[in-house]
Amino acid sequence: MMKRQGDILFVKIDLLPESLAAKDDGVIALGEQTGHKHLLVYGSLLTDKQNNMFITVTSELATIKHEEHRAITLPKGLYRVIKQREYDPEGWRDVKD
């Protein structure tokens, strides 16, 4: 199962990697152009040493809010957070939302 909100993709996974740290502010990504943020509500946001993000949802649903996109919900489970990337002549870069 996958869900998308703007330039962020949420992919359901079976297991979390080891050595994750909690990211307590719930901010998944900040919009570089507008300052708006993708914000996790009712879930736990985790990062690994390479700053990859993961979400655990232990309640029935978690919500991802953003000022410019409609809110989405993630059912109970584990998720990998993937920021969309694009290629330009100077190489790969994160998409700017």
C-alpha atoms as a PDB file:
ATOM      1  CA  MET A   1       0.000   0.000   0.000  1.00  0.00           C
ATOM      2  CA  MET A   2       1.207   3.485  -0.897  1.00  0.00           C
ATOM      3  CA  LYS A   3      -0.182   6.961  -0.356  1.00  0.00           C
ATOM      4  CA  ARG A   4       1.101  10.294  -1.597  1.00  0.00           C
ATOM      5  CA  GLN A   5       0.736  13.843  -0.330  1.00  0.00           C
ATOM      6  CA  GLY A   6       2.384  16.332  -2.667  1.00  0.00           C
ATOM      7  CA  ASP A   7       6.051  15.370  -3.044  1.00  0.00           C
ATOM      8  CA  ILE A   8       6.001  12.839  -0.165  1.00  0.00           C
ATOM      9  CA  LEU A   9       5.261   9.119  -0.658  1.00  0.00           C
ATOM     10  CA  PHE A  10       4.306   6.795   2.213  1.00  0.00           C
ATOM     11  CA  VAL A  11       5.011   3.101   1.568  1.00  0.00           C
ATOM     12  CA  LYS A  12       3.782   0.388   3.936  1.00  0.00           C
ATOM     13  CA  ILE A  13       6.591  -1.942   5.086  1.00  0.00           C
ATOM     14  CA  ASP A  14       6.760  -5.129   7.166  1.00  0.00           C
ATOM     15  CA  LEU A  15       9.744  -4.337   9.422  1.00  0.00           C
ATOM     16  CA  LEU A  16      11.569  -1.271  10.660  1.00  0.00           C
ATOM     17  CA  PRO A  17      15.349  -1.067  10.335  1.00  0.00           C
ATOM     18  CA  GLU A  18      17.447  -1.099  13.492  1.00  0.00           C
ATOM     19  CA  SER A  19      18.909   1.920  15.297  1.00  0.00           C
ATOM     20  CA  LEU A  20      16.124   4.436  14.758  1.00  0.00           C
ATOM     21  CA  ALA A  21      15.735   7.647  16.734  1.00  0.00           C
ATOM     22  CA  ALA A  22      12.479   9.428  17.537  1.00  0.00           C
ATOM     23  CA  LYS A  23      11.778  12.730  15.782  1.00  0.00           C
ATOM     24  CA  ASP A  24       9.470  14.378  18.299  1.00  0.00           C
ATOM     25  CA  ASP A  25       8.235  17.420  16.361  1.00  0.00           C
ATOM     26  CA  GLY A  26       6.191  15.363  13.864  1.00  0.00           C
ATOM     27  CA  VAL A  27       7.451  17.427  10.921  1.00  0.00           C
ATOM     28  CA  ILE A  28       8.019  15.142   7.943  1.00  0.00           C
ATOM     29  CA  ALA A  29       9.096  17.873   5.513  1.00  0.00           C
ATOM     30  CA  LEU A  30       9.027  21.648   5.194  1.00  0.00           C
ATOM     31  CA  GLY A  31       7.905  23.338   1.982  1.00  0.00           C
ATOM     32  CA  GLU A  32      10.964  25.162   0.712  1.00  0.00           C
ATOM     33  CA  GLN A  33       8.903  27.671  -1.271  1.00  0.00           C
ATOM     34  CA  THR A  34       6.112  28.457   1.223  1.00  0.00           C
ATOM     35  CA  GLY A  35       7.265  27.194   4.623  1.00  0.00           C
ATOM     36  CA  HIS A  36       4.234  24.908   4.892  1.00  0.00           C
ATOM     37  CA  LYS A  37       4.928  21.529   6.438  1.00  0.00           C
ATOM     38  CA  HIS A  38       3.847  17.905   6.177  1.00  0.00           C
ATOM     39  CA  LEU A  39       2.903  17.127   9.788  1.00  0.00           C
ATOM     40  CA  LEU A  40       2.223  13.711  11.354  1.00  0.00           C
ATOM     41  CA  VAL A  41      -0.651  13.511  13.857  1.00  0.00           C
ATOM     42  CA  TYR A  42      -1.311  10.357  15.958  1.00  0.00           C
ATOM     43  CA  GLY A  43       1.782   8.412  14.938  1.00  0.00           C
ATOM     44  CA  SER A  44       5.495   8.169  15.705  1.00  0.00           C
ATOM     45  CA  LEU A  45       8.101   9.598  13.362  1.00  0.00           C
ATOM     46  CA  LEU A  46      11.533   7.926  13.370  1.00  0.00           C
ATOM     47  CA  THR A  47      14.811   8.556  11.529  1.00  0.00           C
ATOM     48  CA  ASP A  48      17.903   6.479  10.835  1.00  0.00           C
ATOM     49  CA  LYS A  49      21.528   7.672  10.661  1.00  0.00           C
ATOM     50  CA  GLN A  50      21.113   8.628   6.977  1.00  0.00           C
ATOM     51  CA  ASN A  51      18.014  10.740   7.809  1.00  0.00           C
ATOM     52  CA  ASN A  52      15.619   8.279   6.157  1.00  0.00           C
ATOM     53  CA  MET A  53      12.220   8.581   7.833  1.00  0.00           C
ATOM     54  CA  PHE A  54       9.804   5.947   9.050  1.00  0.00           C
ATOM     55  CA  ILE A  55       6.369   6.119  10.665  1.00  0.00           C
ATOM     56  CA  THR A  56       4.731   3.772  13.137  1.00  0.00           C
ATOM     57  CA  VAL A  57       0.967   3.965  13.503  1.00  0.00           C
ATOM     58  CA  THR A  58      -0.291   2.095  16.572  1.00  0.00           C
ATOM     59  CA  SER A  59      -3.789   3.632  16.686  1.00  0.00           C
ATOM     60  CA  GLU A  60      -6.386   2.815  14.023  1.00  0.00           C
ATOM     61  CA  LEU A  61      -5.362   5.804  11.883  1.00  0.00           C
ATOM     62  CA  ALA A  62      -2.731   8.514  11.737  1.00  0.00           C
ATOM     63  CA  THR A  63      -3.211  11.768   9.842  1.00  0.00           C
ATOM     64  CA  ILE A  64      -0.746  13.684   7.694  1.00  0.00           C
ATOM     65  CA  LYS A  65      -1.689  17.369   7.483  1.00  0.00           C
ATOM     66  CA  HIS A  66      -0.440  20.056   5.090  1.00  0.00           C
ATOM     67  CA  GLU A  67      -1.734  23.578   4.501  1.00  0.00           C
ATOM     68  CA  GLU A  68      -1.780  23.204   0.694  1.00  0.00           C
ATOM     69  CA  HIS A  69      -2.887  19.565   0.335  1.00  0.00           C
ATOM     70  CA  ARG A  70      -5.850  17.671   1.687  1.00  0.00           C
ATOM     71  CA  ALA A  71      -5.105  15.629   4.800  1.00  0.00           C
ATOM     72  CA  ILE A  72      -4.469  11.924   4.268  1.00  0.00           C
ATOM     73  CA  THR A  73      -4.773   9.046   6.701  1.00  0.00           C
ATOM     74  CA  LEU A  74      -2.511   6.049   7.215  1.00  0.00           C
ATOM     75  CA  PRO A  75      -3.991   2.902   8.762  1.00  0.00           C
ATOM     76  CA  LYS A  76      -2.242   1.054  11.587  1.00  0.00           C
ATOM     77  CA  GLY A  77       1.179  -0.220  10.477  1.00  0.00           C
ATOM     78  CA  LEU A  78       4.757   0.682   9.566  1.00  0.00           C
ATOM     79  CA  TYR A  79       5.710   3.062   6.748  1.00  0.00           C
ATOM     80  CA  ARG A  80       8.782   4.331   4.921  1.00  0.00           C
ATOM     81  CA  VAL A  81       8.686   8.020   3.992  1.00  0.00           C
ATOM     82  CA  ILE A  82      10.119   8.800   0.555  1.00  0.00           C
ATOM     83  CA  LYS A  83      10.665  12.348  -0.696  1.00  0.00           C
ATOM     84  CA  GLN A  84      10.237  12.686  -4.462  1.00  0.00           C
ATOM     85  CA  ARG A  85      13.429  13.367  -6.394  1.00  0.00           C
ATOM     86  CA  GLU A  86      14.060  14.800  -9.851  1.00  0.00           C
ATOM     87  CA  TYR A  87      16.986  14.963 -12.233  1.00  0.00           C
ATOM     88  CA  ASP A  88      18.467  18.138 -13.668  1.00  0.00           C
ATOM     89  CA  PRO A  89      21.753  18.640 -15.546  1.00  0.00           C
ATOM     90  CA  GLU A  90      23.632  19.061 -12.246  1.00  0.00           C
ATOM     91  CA  GLY A  91      22.354  15.735 -10.846  1.00  0.00           C
ATOM     92  CA  TRP A  92      19.573  14.373  -8.657  1.00  0.00           C
ATOM     93  CA  ARG A  93      17.819  16.636  -6.146  1.00  0.00           C
ATOM     94  CA  ASP A  94      14.758  16.631  -3.887  1.00  0.00           C
ATOM     95  CA  VAL A  95      11.618  18.094  -5.447  1.00  0.00           C
ATOM     96  CA  LYS A  96      10.805  21.498  -3.946  1.00  0.00           C
ATOM     97  CA  ASP A  97       7.212  21.707  -2.743  1.00  0.00           C
END
